[in-house]
Amino acid sequence: MMSITGYTRGGQTWTPKFIESIDVNKCIGCGRCYKVCSREVLELIEKPFEGEDEYGDDMGNKVMSIAKPENCIGCEACSKICTKRCHVHMEV
């Protein structure tokens, strides 16, 4: 299968890499990637509960998920902003 190749404004070739997965074990749910994505590809979801805290309250937090992979344009802005390196991209 041939990969998609585009051109930058300066005429250089560029191959987009589309979001494939997010490592939820690395994701801290900060939302930076969500904010930088203009295509509404990502969304925060509740992470499964991890038990109770010292007060008996359920401890759950949020992680990023891929809501609309078909909207990804392969710019990798989400990976570039992520400090935890939890996004996996693939050429198509």
Protein backbone atom coordinates (compact mmCIF):
# COMPACT_ATOMS: atom_id res chain seq x y z
CA MET A 1 0.00 0.00 0.00
CA MET A 2 1.31 3.42 -0.93
CA SER A 3 1.38 6.11 1.73
CA ILE A 4 -0.28 9.50 1.34
CA THR A 5 2.18 12.27 0.51
CA GLY A 6 1.41 15.97 0.54
CA TYR A 7 3.39 19.14 0.10
CA THR A 8 4.20 21.95 2.48
CA ARG A 9 3.68 25.55 1.51
CA GLY A 10 7.40 25.66 0.66
CA GLY A 11 7.10 22.69 -1.69
CA GLN A 12 8.68 20.03 0.51
CA THR A 13 7.04 16.61 0.67
CA TRP A 14 5.19 15.70 3.84
CA THR A 15 3.64 12.39 4.88
CA PRO A 16 0.81 12.68 7.42
CA LYS A 17 0.76 10.24 10.33
CA PHE A 18 -2.73 9.55 11.64
CA ILE A 19 -3.61 8.81 15.26
CA GLU A 20 -3.72 5.07 15.86
CA SER A 21 -3.95 4.74 19.64
CA ILE A 22 -3.32 6.37 23.00
CA ASP A 23 -1.45 4.61 25.79
CA VAL A 24 -3.85 5.12 28.72
CA ASN A 25 -1.16 3.95 31.14
CA LYS A 26 0.94 7.00 30.23
CA CYS A 27 -1.90 9.53 29.74
CA ILE A 28 -2.50 11.84 32.71
CA GLY A 29 -5.67 13.40 31.28
CA CYS A 30 -4.29 16.95 31.18
CA GLY A 31 -6.27 17.81 28.03
CA ARG A 32 -3.43 19.56 26.16
CA CYS A 33 -3.85 17.34 23.10
CA TYR A 34 -7.62 17.88 23.18
CA LYS A 35 -7.15 21.66 23.18
CA VAL A 36 -4.65 21.67 20.30
CA CYS A 37 -6.73 19.40 18.01
CA SER A 38 -8.94 21.51 15.75
CA ARG A 39 -10.70 18.45 14.28
CA GLU A 40 -12.46 17.13 17.43
CA VAL A 41 -10.67 13.79 17.15
CA LEU A 42 -10.10 13.35 20.89
CA GLU A 43 -12.25 13.36 24.03
CA LEU A 44 -11.68 12.89 27.74
CA ILE A 45 -13.34 9.85 29.28
CA GLU A 46 -13.52 8.52 32.82
CA LYS A 47 -10.71 6.12 33.63
CA PRO A 48 -11.86 3.01 35.48
CA PHE A 49 -11.86 3.47 39.25
CA GLU A 50 -8.59 2.62 40.94
CA GLY A 51 -9.99 1.99 44.42
CA GLU A 52 -10.75 4.35 47.27
CA ASP A 53 -8.76 7.15 48.80
CA GLU A 54 -8.11 7.51 52.54
CA TYR A 55 -11.59 9.02 53.01
CA GLY A 56 -13.41 6.14 51.30
CA ASP A 57 -14.17 8.13 48.15
CA ASP A 58 -13.84 6.44 44.78
CA MET A 59 -10.68 7.52 43.00
CA GLY A 60 -11.29 7.94 39.30
CA ASN A 61 -9.74 10.32 36.87
CA LYS A 62 -9.92 11.07 33.18
CA VAL A 63 -7.83 9.89 30.25
CA MET A 64 -7.85 10.83 26.59
CA SER A 65 -9.54 8.62 24.01
CA ILE A 66 -9.94 8.70 20.24
CA ALA A 67 -13.56 9.70 19.59
CA LYS A 68 -13.51 10.46 15.85
CA PRO A 69 -10.42 8.92 14.19
CA GLU A 70 -11.88 9.66 10.76
CA ASN A 71 -11.42 13.41 11.44
CA CYS A 72 -7.65 13.13 11.97
CA ILE A 73 -5.59 14.96 9.32
CA GLY A 74 -2.25 13.53 10.46
CA CYS A 75 -0.68 16.77 11.68
CA GLU A 76 0.60 15.17 14.92
CA ALA A 77 -0.10 18.34 16.92
CA CYS A 78 -1.43 16.15 19.74
CA SER A 79 1.87 14.26 19.99
CA LYS A 80 3.96 17.40 19.82
CA ILE A 81 2.17 18.99 22.80
CA CYS A 82 2.09 15.81 24.92
CA THR A 83 4.75 15.63 27.63
CA LYS A 84 4.01 11.94 28.34
CA ARG A 85 4.45 10.70 24.74
CA CYS A 86 1.32 8.56 24.86
CA HIS A 87 0.05 9.01 21.27
CA VAL A 88 0.80 6.46 18.55
CA HIS A 89 0.58 7.57 14.91
CA MET A 90 0.78 5.58 11.67
CA GLU A 91 1.25 6.45 8.01
CA VAL A 92 -1.61 5.33 5.78
